[in-house]
Each structure stands twice: as structure tokens, then as C-alpha cells.
mmCIF file of all heavy atoms, coordinates in Angstrom:
data_MODEL
# 
_entry.id   MODEL 
# 
loop_
_atom_site.group_PDB 
_atom_site.id 
_atom_site.type_symbol 
_atom_site.label_atom_id 
_atom_site.label_alt_id 
_atom_site.label_comp_id 
_atom_site.label_asym_id 
_atom_site.label_entity_id 
_atom_site.label_seq_id 
_atom_site.pdbx_PDB_ins_code 
_atom_site.Cartn_x 
_atom_site.Cartn_y 
_atom_site.Cartn_z 
_atom_site.occupancy 
_atom_site.B_iso_or_equiv 
_atom_site.pdbx_formal_charge 
_atom_site.auth_seq_id 
_atom_site.auth_comp_id 
_atom_site.auth_asym_id 
_atom_site.auth_atom_id 
_atom_site.pdbx_PDB_model_num 
ATOM 1   N N   . ILE A 1 1  ? 35.418 116.140 36.781 1.00 0.00 ? 1  ILE A N   1 
ATOM 2   C CA  . ILE A 1 1  ? 34.628 114.964 36.494 1.00 0.00 ? 1  ILE A CA  1 
ATOM 3   C C   . ILE A 1 1  ? 35.303 113.716 37.064 1.00 0.00 ? 1  ILE A C   1 
ATOM 4   O O   . ILE A 1 1  ? 34.604 112.832 37.643 1.00 0.00 ? 1  ILE A O   1 
ATOM 5   C CB  . ILE A 1 1  ? 34.400 114.836 34.991 1.00 0.00 ? 1  ILE A CB  1 
ATOM 6   C CG1 . ILE A 1 1  ? 33.405 115.900 34.509 1.00 0.00 ? 1  ILE A CG1 1 
ATOM 7   C CG2 . ILE A 1 1  ? 33.885 113.423 34.616 1.00 0.00 ? 1  ILE A CG2 1 
ATOM 8   C CD1 . ILE A 1 1  ? 31.967 115.696 34.986 1.00 0.00 ? 1  ILE A CD1 1 
ATOM 9   N N   . ASP A 1 2  ? 36.580 113.623 36.977 1.00 0.00 ? 2  ASP A N   1 
ATOM 10  C CA  . ASP A 1 2  ? 37.278 112.479 37.524 1.00 0.00 ? 2  ASP A CA  1 
ATOM 11  C C   . ASP A 1 2  ? 37.055 112.357 39.021 1.00 0.00 ? 2  ASP A C   1 
ATOM 12  O O   . ASP A 1 2  ? 36.779 111.308 39.580 1.00 0.00 ? 2  ASP A O   1 
ATOM 13  C CB  . ASP A 1 2  ? 38.769 112.591 37.231 1.00 0.00 ? 2  ASP A CB  1 
ATOM 14  C CG  . ASP A 1 2  ? 39.572 111.372 37.607 1.00 0.00 ? 2  ASP A CG  1 
ATOM 15  O OD1 . ASP A 1 2  ? 39.117 110.241 37.413 1.00 0.00 ? 2  ASP A OD1 1 
ATOM 16  O OD2 . ASP A 1 2  ? 40.673 111.547 38.202 1.00 0.00 ? 2  ASP A OD2 1 
ATOM 17  N N   . ARG A 1 3  ? 37.132 113.501 39.690 1.00 0.00 ? 3  ARG A N   1 
ATOM 18  C CA  . ARG A 1 3  ? 37.036 113.600 41.145 1.00 0.00 ? 3  ARG A CA  1 
ATOM 19  C C   . ARG A 1 3  ? 35.641 113.366 41.683 1.00 0.00 ? 3  ARG A C   1 
ATOM 20  O O   . ARG A 1 3  ? 35.446 112.644 42.658 1.00 0.00 ? 3  ARG A O   1 
ATOM 21  C CB  . ARG A 1 3  ? 37.556 114.928 41.578 1.00 0.00 ? 3  ARG A CB  1 
ATOM 22  C CG  . ARG A 1 3  ? 37.564 115.200 43.058 1.00 0.00 ? 3  ARG A CG  1 
ATOM 23  C CD  . ARG A 1 3  ? 38.303 116.503 43.318 1.00 0.00 ? 3  ARG A CD  1 
ATOM 24  N NE  . ARG A 1 3  ? 38.359 116.827 44.729 1.00 0.00 ? 3  ARG A NE  1 
ATOM 25  C CZ  . ARG A 1 3  ? 39.168 117.768 45.244 1.00 0.00 ? 3  ARG A CZ  1 
ATOM 26  N NH1 . ARG A 1 3  ? 39.965 118.472 44.455 1.00 0.00 ? 3  ARG A NH1 1 
ATOM 27  N NH2 . ARG A 1 3  ? 39.177 118.012 46.544 1.00 0.00 ? 3  ARG A NH2 1 
ATOM 28  N N   . HIS A 1 4  ? 34.654 113.944 41.010 1.00 0.00 ? 4  HIS A N   1 
ATOM 29  C CA  . HIS A 1 4  ? 33.345 113.929 41.566 1.00 0.00 ? 4  HIS A CA  1 
ATOM 30  C C   . HIS A 1 4  ? 32.315 112.987 40.888 1.00 0.00 ? 4  HIS A C   1 
ATOM 31  O O   . HIS A 1 4  ? 31.260 112.727 41.434 1.00 0.00 ? 4  HIS A O   1 
ATOM 32  C CB  . HIS A 1 4  ? 32.711 115.358 41.556 1.00 0.00 ? 4  HIS A CB  1 
ATOM 33  C CG  . HIS A 1 4  ? 33.473 116.347 42.363 1.00 0.00 ? 4  HIS A CG  1 
ATOM 34  N ND1 . HIS A 1 4  ? 33.425 116.348 43.764 1.00 0.00 ? 4  HIS A ND1 1 
ATOM 35  C CD2 . HIS A 1 4  ? 34.327 117.333 41.977 1.00 0.00 ? 4  HIS A CD2 1 
ATOM 36  C CE1 . HIS A 1 4  ? 34.204 117.330 44.208 1.00 0.00 ? 4  HIS A CE1 1 
ATOM 37  N NE2 . HIS A 1 4  ? 34.748 117.920 43.163 1.00 0.00 ? 4  HIS A NE2 1 
ATOM 38  N N   . ALA A 1 5  ? 32.688 112.500 39.708 1.00 0.00 ? 5  ALA A N   1 
ATOM 39  C CA  . ALA A 1 5  ? 31.801 111.555 39.033 1.00 0.00 ? 5  ALA A CA  1 
ATOM 40  C C   . ALA A 1 5  ? 32.439 110.213 38.813 1.00 0.00 ? 5  ALA A C   1 
ATOM 41  O O   . ALA A 1 5  ? 31.939 109.209 39.301 1.00 0.00 ? 5  ALA A O   1 
ATOM 42  C CB  . ALA A 1 5  ? 31.389 112.176 37.660 1.00 0.00 ? 5  ALA A CB  1 
ATOM 43  N N   . LEU A 1 6  ? 33.564 110.204 38.094 1.00 0.00 ? 6  LEU A N   1 
ATOM 44  C CA  . LEU A 1 6  ? 34.155 108.830 37.749 1.00 0.00 ? 6  LEU A CA  1 
ATOM 45  C C   . LEU A 1 6  ? 34.542 108.070 39.007 1.00 0.00 ? 6  LEU A C   1 
ATOM 46  O O   . LEU A 1 6  ? 34.266 106.873 39.126 1.00 0.00 ? 6  LEU A O   1 
ATOM 47  C CB  . LEU A 1 6  ? 35.366 109.069 36.927 1.00 0.00 ? 6  LEU A CB  1 
ATOM 48  C CG  . LEU A 1 6  ? 35.129 109.689 35.501 1.00 0.00 ? 6  LEU A CG  1 
ATOM 49  C CD1 . LEU A 1 6  ? 36.451 109.861 34.774 1.00 0.00 ? 6  LEU A CD1 1 
ATOM 50  C CD2 . LEU A 1 6  ? 34.178 108.836 34.699 1.00 0.00 ? 6  LEU A CD2 1 
ATOM 51  N N   . SER A 1 7  ? 35.106 108.741 39.998 1.00 0.00 ? 7  SER A N   1 
ATOM 52  C CA  . SER A 1 7  ? 35.583 108.057 41.199 1.00 0.00 ? 7  SER A CA  1 
ATOM 53  C C   . SER A 1 7  ? 34.393 107.581 42.054 1.00 0.00 ? 7  SER A C   1 
ATOM 54  O O   . SER A 1 7  ? 34.586 106.697 42.907 1.00 0.00 ? 7  SER A O   1 
ATOM 55  C CB  . SER A 1 7  ? 36.493 108.964 41.990 1.00 0.00 ? 7  SER A CB  1 
ATOM 56  O OG  . SER A 1 7  ? 35.814 110.061 42.507 1.00 0.00 ? 7  SER A OG  1 
ATOM 57  N N   . GLN A 1 8  ? 33.216 108.174 41.817 1.00 0.00 ? 8  GLN A N   1 
ATOM 58  C CA  . GLN A 1 8  ? 32.018 107.810 42.578 1.00 0.00 ? 8  GLN A CA  1 
ATOM 59  C C   . GLN A 1 8  ? 31.045 106.925 41.781 1.00 0.00 ? 8  GLN A C   1 
ATOM 60  O O   . GLN A 1 8  ? 30.009 106.582 42.311 1.00 0.00 ? 8  GLN A O   1 
ATOM 61  C CB  . GLN A 1 8  ? 31.292 109.109 42.998 1.00 0.00 ? 8  GLN A CB  1 
ATOM 62  C CG  . GLN A 1 8  ? 32.154 110.177 43.595 1.00 0.00 ? 8  GLN A CG  1 
ATOM 63  C CD  . GLN A 1 8  ? 32.592 109.865 44.987 1.00 0.00 ? 8  GLN A CD  1 
ATOM 64  O OE1 . GLN A 1 8  ? 31.938 109.135 45.673 1.00 0.00 ? 8  GLN A OE1 1 
ATOM 65  N NE2 . GLN A 1 8  ? 33.726 110.446 45.427 1.00 0.00 ? 8  GLN A NE2 1 
ATOM 66  N N   . GLY A 1 9  ? 31.396 106.653 40.549 1.00 0.00 ? 9  GLY A N   1 
ATOM 67  C CA  . GLY A 1 9  ? 30.531 105.835 39.715 1.00 0.00 ? 9  GLY A CA  1 
ATOM 68  C C   . GLY A 1 9  ? 29.241 106.566 39.275 1.00 0.00 ? 9  GLY A C   1 
ATOM 69  O O   . GLY A 1 9  ? 28.236 105.978 38.935 1.00 0.00 ? 9  GLY A O   1 
ATOM 70  N N   . ARG A 1 10 ? 29.287 107.915 39.261 1.00 0.00 ? 10 ARG A N   1 
ATOM 71  C CA  . ARG A 1 10 ? 28.121 108.689 38.922 1.00 0.00 ? 10 ARG A CA  1 
ATOM 72  C C   . ARG A 1 10 ? 28.018 108.984 37.421 1.00 0.00 ? 10 ARG A C   1 
ATOM 73  O O   . ARG A 1 10 ? 29.029 109.326 36.808 1.00 0.00 ? 10 ARG A O   1 
ATOM 74  C CB  . ARG A 1 10 ? 28.179 110.029 39.661 1.00 0.00 ? 10 ARG A CB  1 
ATOM 75  C CG  . ARG A 1 10 ? 28.043 109.915 41.152 1.00 0.00 ? 10 ARG A CG  1 
ATOM 76  C CD  . ARG A 1 10 ? 28.428 111.234 41.841 1.00 0.00 ? 10 ARG A CD  1 
ATOM 77  N NE  . ARG A 1 10 ? 28.143 111.157 43.318 1.00 0.00 ? 10 ARG A NE  1 
ATOM 78  C CZ  . ARG A 1 10 ? 28.772 111.949 44.192 1.00 0.00 ? 10 ARG A CZ  1 
ATOM 79  N NH1 . ARG A 1 10 ? 29.661 112.883 43.783 1.00 0.00 ? 10 ARG A NH1 1 
ATOM 80  N NH2 . ARG A 1 10 ? 28.509 111.843 45.458 1.00 0.00 ? 10 ARG A NH2 1 
ATOM 81  N N   . PRO A 1 11 ? 26.828 108.811 36.856 1.00 0.00 ? 11 PRO A N   1 
ATOM 82  C CA  . PRO A 1 11 ? 26.693 109.153 35.419 1.00 0.00 ? 11 PRO A CA  1 
ATOM 83  C C   . PRO A 1 11 ? 27.082 110.616 35.218 1.00 0.00 ? 11 PRO A C   1 
ATOM 84  O O   . PRO A 1 11 ? 26.807 111.465 36.061 1.00 0.00 ? 11 PRO A O   1 
ATOM 85  C CB  . PRO A 1 11 ? 25.196 108.922 35.157 1.00 0.00 ? 11 PRO A CB  1 
ATOM 86  C CG  . PRO A 1 11 ? 24.732 108.042 36.231 1.00 0.00 ? 11 PRO A CG  1 
ATOM 87  C CD  . PRO A 1 11 ? 25.582 108.346 37.443 1.00 0.00 ? 11 PRO A CD  1 
ATOM 88  N N   . ASN A 1 12 ? 27.698 110.917 34.071 1.00 0.00 ? 12 ASN A N   1 
ATOM 89  C CA  . ASN A 1 12 ? 28.184 112.237 33.871 1.00 0.00 ? 12 ASN A CA  1 
ATOM 90  C C   . ASN A 1 12 ? 28.389 112.539 32.406 1.00 0.00 ? 12 ASN A C   1 
ATOM 91  O O   . ASN A 1 12 ? 28.552 111.622 31.577 1.00 0.00 ? 12 ASN A O   1 
ATOM 92  C CB  . ASN A 1 12 ? 29.545 112.397 34.557 1.00 0.00 ? 12 ASN A CB  1 
ATOM 93  C CG  . ASN A 1 12 ? 30.643 111.495 33.982 1.00 0.00 ? 12 ASN A CG  1 
ATOM 94  O OD1 . ASN A 1 12 ? 31.341 111.863 33.092 1.00 0.00 ? 12 ASN A OD1 1 
ATOM 95  N ND2 . ASN A 1 12 ? 30.688 110.240 34.487 1.00 0.00 ? 12 ASN A ND2 1 
ATOM 96  N N   . VAL A 1 13 ? 28.431 113.827 32.083 1.00 0.00 ? 13 VAL A N   1 
ATOM 97  C CA  . VAL A 1 13 ? 28.778 114.259 30.731 1.00 0.00 ? 13 VAL A CA  1 
ATOM 98  C C   . VAL A 1 13 ? 29.301 115.701 30.844 1.00 0.00 ? 13 VAL A C   1 
ATOM 99  O O   . VAL A 1 13 ? 28.888 116.476 31.715 1.00 0.00 ? 13 VAL A O   1 
ATOM 100 C CB  . VAL A 1 13 ? 27.565 114.171 29.767 1.00 0.00 ? 13 VAL A CB  1 
ATOM 101 C CG1 . VAL A 1 13 ? 26.488 115.157 30.133 1.00 0.00 ? 13 VAL A CG1 1 
ATOM 102 C CG2 . VAL A 1 13 ? 28.008 114.282 28.335 1.00 0.00 ? 13 VAL A CG2 1 
ATOM 103 N N   . LEU A 1 14 ? 30.211 116.028 29.978 1.00 0.00 ? 14 LEU A N   1 
ATOM 104 C CA  . LEU A 1 14 ? 30.800 117.381 29.904 1.00 0.00 ? 14 LEU A CA  1 
ATOM 105 C C   . LEU A 1 14 ? 30.435 117.943 28.540 1.00 0.00 ? 14 LEU A C   1 
ATOM 106 O O   . LEU A 1 14 ? 30.761 117.345 27.505 1.00 0.00 ? 14 LEU A O   1 
ATOM 107 C CB  . LEU A 1 14 ? 32.283 117.377 30.094 1.00 0.00 ? 14 LEU A CB  1 
ATOM 108 C CG  . LEU A 1 14 ? 32.965 118.731 30.300 1.00 0.00 ? 14 LEU A CG  1 
ATOM 109 C CD1 . LEU A 1 14 ? 34.287 118.550 31.083 1.00 0.00 ? 14 LEU A CD1 1 
ATOM 110 C CD2 . LEU A 1 14 ? 33.222 119.460 28.962 1.00 0.00 ? 14 LEU A CD2 1 
ATOM 111 N N   . ILE A 1 15 ? 29.754 119.060 28.521 1.00 0.00 ? 15 ILE A N   1 
ATOM 112 C CA  . ILE A 1 15 ? 29.335 119.718 27.274 1.00 0.00 ? 15 ILE A CA  1 
ATOM 113 C C   . ILE A 1 15 ? 30.107 120.985 27.071 1.00 0.00 ? 15 ILE A C   1 
ATOM 114 O O   . ILE A 1 15 ? 30.158 121.865 28.005 1.00 0.00 ? 15 ILE A O   1 
ATOM 115 C CB  . ILE A 1 15 ? 27.823 120.010 27.330 1.00 0.00 ? 15 ILE A CB  1 
ATOM 116 C CG1 . ILE A 1 15 ? 27.043 118.706 27.468 1.00 0.00 ? 15 ILE A CG1 1 
ATOM 117 C CG2 . ILE A 1 15 ? 27.383 120.741 26.041 1.00 0.00 ? 15 ILE A CG2 1 
ATOM 118 C CD1 . ILE A 1 15 ? 25.547 118.954 27.756 1.00 0.00 ? 15 ILE A CD1 1 
ATOM 119 N N   . GLU A 1 16 ? 30.736 121.141 25.909 1.00 0.00 ? 16 GLU A N   1 
ATOM 120 C CA  . GLU A 1 16 ? 31.426 122.353 25.486 1.00 0.00 ? 16 GLU A CA  1 
ATOM 121 C C   . GLU A 1 16 ? 30.615 123.007 24.354 1.00 0.00 ? 16 GLU A C   1 
ATOM 122 O O   . GLU A 1 16 ? 30.314 122.372 23.369 1.00 0.00 ? 16 GLU A O   1 
ATOM 123 C CB  . GLU A 1 16 ? 32.805 122.004 24.946 1.00 0.00 ? 16 GLU A CB  1 
ATOM 124 C CG  . GLU A 1 16 ? 33.777 121.437 25.982 1.00 0.00 ? 16 GLU A CG  1 
ATOM 125 C CD  . GLU A 1 16 ? 34.801 122.438 26.436 1.00 0.00 ? 16 GLU A CD  1 
ATOM 126 O OE1 . GLU A 1 16 ? 34.659 123.622 26.104 1.00 0.00 ? 16 GLU A OE1 1 
ATOM 127 O OE2 . GLU A 1 16 ? 35.763 122.047 27.114 1.00 0.00 ? 16 GLU A OE2 1 
ATOM 128 N N   . VAL A 1 17 ? 30.318 124.269 24.539 1.00 0.00 ? 17 VAL A N   1 
ATOM 129 C CA  . VAL A 1 17 ? 29.638 125.045 23.506 1.00 0.00 ? 17 VAL A CA  1 
ATOM 130 C C   . VAL A 1 17 ? 30.587 126.154 23.032 1.00 0.00 ? 17 VAL A C   1 
ATOM 131 O O   . VAL A 1 17 ? 31.278 126.806 23.840 1.00 0.00 ? 17 VAL A O   1 
ATOM 132 C CB  . VAL A 1 17 ? 28.334 125.651 24.022 1.00 0.00 ? 17 VAL A CB  1 
ATOM 133 C CG1 . VAL A 1 17 ? 27.620 126.452 22.858 1.00 0.00 ? 17 VAL A CG1 1 
ATOM 134 C CG2 . VAL A 1 17 ? 27.405 124.589 24.530 1.00 0.00 ? 17 VAL A CG2 1 
ATOM 135 N N   . ARG A 1 18 ? 30.689 126.361 21.730 1.00 0.00 ? 18 ARG A N   1 
ATOM 136 C CA  . ARG A 1 18 ? 31.558 127.403 21.173 1.00 0.00 ? 18 ARG A CA  1 
ATOM 137 C C   . ARG A 1 18 ? 31.100 128.729 21.706 1.00 0.00 ? 18 ARG A C   1 
ATOM 138 O O   . ARG A 1 18 ? 29.927 129.059 21.656 1.00 0.00 ? 18 ARG A O   1 
ATOM 139 C CB  . ARG A 1 18 ? 31.534 127.358 19.685 1.00 0.00 ? 18 ARG A CB  1 
ATOM 140 C CG  . ARG A 1 18 ? 32.793 127.893 19.011 1.00 0.00 ? 18 ARG A CG  1 
ATOM 141 C CD  . ARG A 1 18 ? 32.756 127.724 17.530 1.00 0.00 ? 18 ARG A CD  1 
ATOM 142 N NE  . ARG A 1 18 ? 31.696 128.616 16.980 1.00 0.00 ? 18 ARG A NE  1 
ATOM 143 C CZ  . ARG A 1 18 ? 31.080 128.409 15.775 1.00 0.00 ? 18 ARG A CZ  1 
ATOM 144 N NH1 . ARG A 1 18 ? 31.363 127.332 15.123 1.00 0.00 ? 18 ARG A NH1 1 
ATOM 145 N NH2 . ARG A 1 18 ? 30.190 129.252 15.347 1.00 0.00 ? 18 ARG A NH2 1 
ATOM 146 N N   . ASN A 1 19 ? 32.048 129.498 22.236 1.00 0.00 ? 19 ASN A N   1 
ATOM 147 C CA  . ASN A 1 19 ? 31.649 130.639 23.046 1.00 0.00 ? 19 ASN A CA  1 
ATOM 148 C C   . ASN A 1 19 ? 31.027 131.798 22.282 1.00 0.00 ? 19 ASN A C   1 
ATOM 149 O O   . ASN A 1 19 ? 30.280 132.619 22.888 1.00 0.00 ? 19 ASN A O   1 
ATOM 150 C CB  . ASN A 1 19 ? 32.817 131.114 23.963 1.00 0.00 ? 19 ASN A CB  1 
ATOM 151 C CG  . ASN A 1 19 ? 33.956 131.729 23.197 1.00 0.00 ? 19 ASN A CG  1 
ATOM 152 O OD1 . ASN A 1 19 ? 33.858 132.206 22.092 1.00 0.00 ? 19 ASN A OD1 1 
ATOM 153 N ND2 . ASN A 1 19 ? 35.161 131.664 23.859 1.00 0.00 ? 19 ASN A ND2 1 
ATOM 154 N N   . ASP A 1 20 ? 31.229 131.925 20.993 1.00 0.00 ? 20 ASP A N   1 
ATOM 155 C CA  . ASP A 1 20 ? 30.578 132.976 20.240 1.00 0.00 ? 20 ASP A CA  1 
ATOM 156 C C   . ASP A 1 20 ? 29.052 132.714 20.142 1.00 0.00 ? 20 ASP A C   1 
ATOM 157 O O   . ASP A 1 20 ? 28.309 133.642 19.848 1.00 0.00 ? 20 ASP A O   1 
ATOM 158 C CB  . ASP A 1 20 ? 31.191 133.150 18.877 1.00 0.00 ? 20 ASP A CB  1 
ATOM 159 C CG  . ASP A 1 20 ? 31.084 131.870 18.027 1.00 0.00 ? 20 ASP A CG  1 
ATOM 160 O OD1 . ASP A 1 20 ? 31.332 130.794 18.513 1.00 0.00 ? 20 ASP A OD1 1 
ATOM 161 O OD2 . ASP A 1 20 ? 30.757 132.004 16.807 1.00 0.00 ? 20 ASP A OD2 1 
ATOM 162 N N   . LEU A 1 21 ? 28.643 131.483 20.424 1.00 0.00 ? 21 LEU A N   1 
ATOM 163 C CA  . LEU A 1 21 ? 27.231 131.130 20.341 1.00 0.00 ? 21 LEU A CA  1 
ATOM 164 C C   . LEU A 1 21 ? 26.469 131.430 21.642 1.00 0.00 ? 21 LEU A C   1 
ATOM 165 O O   . LEU A 1 21 ? 25.262 131.444 21.666 1.00 0.00 ? 21 LEU A O   1 
ATOM 166 C CB  . LEU A 1 21 ? 27.084 129.661 19.969 1.00 0.00 ? 21 LEU A CB  1 
ATOM 167 C CG  . LEU A 1 21 ? 27.691 129.264 18.641 1.00 0.00 ? 21 LEU A CG  1 
ATOM 168 C CD1 . LEU A 1 21 ? 27.518 127.754 18.445 1.00 0.00 ? 21 LEU A CD1 1 
ATOM 169 C CD2 . LEU A 1 21 ? 27.099 130.019 17.493 1.00 0.00 ? 21 LEU A CD2 1 
ATOM 170 N N   . ILE A 1 22 ? 27.206 131.603 22.755 1.00 0.00 ? 22 ILE A N   1 
ATOM 171 C CA  . ILE A 1 22 ? 26.562 131.793 24.049 1.00 0.00 ? 22 ILE A CA  1 
ATOM 172 C C   . ILE A 1 22 ? 27.101 133.040 24.824 1.00 0.00 ? 22 ILE A C   1 
ATOM 173 O O   . ILE A 1 22 ? 26.880 133.162 25.992 1.00 0.00 ? 22 ILE A O   1 
ATOM 174 C CB  . ILE A 1 22 ? 26.713 130.533 24.923 1.00 0.00 ? 22 ILE A CB  1 
ATOM 175 C CG1 . ILE A 1 22 ? 28.172 130.136 25.115 1.00 0.00 ? 22 ILE A CG1 1 
ATOM 176 C CG2 . ILE A 1 22 ? 25.911 129.427 24.324 1.00 0.00 ? 22 ILE A CG2 1 
ATOM 177 C CD1 . ILE A 1 22 ? 28.368 129.088 26.189 1.00 0.00 ? 22 ILE A CD1 1 
ATOM 178 N N   . GLU A 1 23 ? 27.785 133.932 24.119 1.00 0.00 ? 23 GLU A N   1 
ATOM 179 C CA  . GLU A 1 23 ? 28.320 135.083 24.814 1.00 0.00 ? 23 GLU A CA  1 
ATOM 180 C C   . GLU A 1 23 ? 27.192 136.047 25.224 1.00 0.00 ? 23 GLU A C   1 
ATOM 181 O O   . GLU A 1 23 ? 27.337 136.858 26.160 1.00 0.00 ? 23 GLU A O   1 
ATOM 182 C CB  . GLU A 1 23 ? 29.363 135.813 23.973 1.00 0.00 ? 23 GLU A CB  1 
ATOM 183 C CG  . GLU A 1 23 ? 28.909 136.251 22.612 1.00 0.00 ? 23 GLU A CG  1 
ATOM 184 C CD  . GLU A 1 23 ? 30.084 136.776 21.759 1.00 0.00 ? 23 GLU A CD  1 
ATOM 185 O OE1 . GLU A 1 23 ? 31.154 137.071 22.366 1.00 0.00 ? 23 GLU A OE1 1 
ATOM 186 O OE2 . GLU A 1 23 ? 29.929 136.920 20.579 1.00 0.00 ? 23 GLU A OE2 1 
ATOM 187 N N   . GLU A 1 24 ? 26.050 135.945 24.557 1.00 0.00 ? 24 GLU A N   1 
ATOM 188 C CA  . GLU A 1 24 ? 24.900 136.779 24.917 1.00 0.00 ? 24 GLU A CA  1 
ATOM 189 C C   . GLU A 1 24 ? 23.798 135.956 25.533 1.00 0.00 ? 24 GLU A C   1 
ATOM 190 O O   . GLU A 1 24 ? 23.721 134.735 25.308 1.00 0.00 ? 24 GLU A O   1 
ATOM 191 C CB  . GLU A 1 24 ? 24.389 137.485 23.702 1.00 0.00 ? 24 GLU A CB  1 
ATOM 192 C CG  . GLU A 1 24 ? 25.377 138.407 22.921 1.00 0.00 ? 24 GLU A CG  1 
ATOM 193 C CD  . GLU A 1 24 ? 25.810 139.581 23.748 1.00 0.00 ? 24 GLU A CD  1 
ATOM 194 O OE1 . GLU A 1 24 ? 25.114 139.990 24.683 1.00 0.00 ? 24 GLU A OE1 1 
ATOM 195 O OE2 . GLU A 1 24 ? 26.895 140.166 23.422 1.00 0.00 ? 24 GLU A OE2 1 
ATOM 196 N N   . GLU A 1 25 ? 22.930 136.600 26.319 1.00 0.00 ? 25 GLU A N   1 
ATOM 197 C CA  . GLU A 1 25 ? 21.898 135.862 27.055 1.00 0.00 ? 25 GLU A CA  1 
ATOM 198 C C   . GLU A 1 25 ? 20.972 135.075 26.099 1.00 0.00 ? 25 GLU A C   1 
ATOM 199 O O   . GLU A 1 25 ? 20.559 133.947 26.433 1.00 0.00 ? 25 GLU A O   1 
ATOM 200 C CB  . GLU A 1 25 ? 21.060 136.840 27.882 1.00 0.00 ? 25 GLU A CB  1 
ATOM 201 C CG  . GLU A 1 25 ? 20.003 136.176 28.714 1.00 0.00 ? 25 GLU A CG  1 
ATOM 202 C CD  . GLU A 1 25 ? 19.220 137.115 29.571 1.00 0.00 ? 25 GLU A CD  1 
ATOM 203 O OE1 . GLU A 1 25 ? 19.362 138.343 29.358 1.00 0.00 ? 25 GLU A OE1 1 
ATOM 204 O OE2 . GLU A 1 25 ? 18.441 136.671 30.364 1.00 0.00 ? 25 GLU A OE2 1 
ATOM 205 N N   . ALA A 1 26 ? 20.650 135.636 24.935 1.00 0.00 ? 26 ALA A N   1 
ATOM 206 C CA  . ALA A 1 26 ? 19.749 134.935 24.030 1.00 0.00 ? 26 ALA A CA  1 
ATOM 207 C C   . ALA A 1 26 ? 20.326 133.602 23.610 1.00 0.00 ? 26 ALA A C   1 
ATOM 208 O O   . ALA A 1 26 ? 19.589 132.608 23.534 1.00 0.00 ? 26 ALA A O   1 
ATOM 209 C CB  . ALA A 1 26 ? 19.482 135.835 22.787 1.00 0.00 ? 26 ALA A CB  1 
ATOM 210 N N   . GLY A 1 27 ? 21.622 133.544 23.338 1.00 0.00 ? 27 GLY A N   1 
ATOM 211 C CA  . GLY A 1 27 ? 22.235 132.317 22.963 1.00 0.00 ? 27 GLY A CA  1 
ATOM 212 C C   . GLY A 1 27 ? 22.278 131.310 24.097 1.00 0.00 ? 27 GLY A C   1 
ATOM 213 O O   . GLY A 1 27 ? 22.092 130.123 23.923 1.00 0.00 ? 27 GLY A O   1 
# 
């Protein structure tokens, strides 16, 4: 994000999802 967004002034966000909630396709 620092390299490709912040240094370029691009809007950005980083989303972390707890992995037990998305380990399967349905999640």
C-alpha cells in the first residue's frame, strides 16, 4: 500500500478477514 497507493496519492484500504470465516468458498 505504501508503494502503490500512498506514494501515488491513490485512495486505498486494506481489509483483513479472520481466516476461519473465509477458508471455504461459501464464506
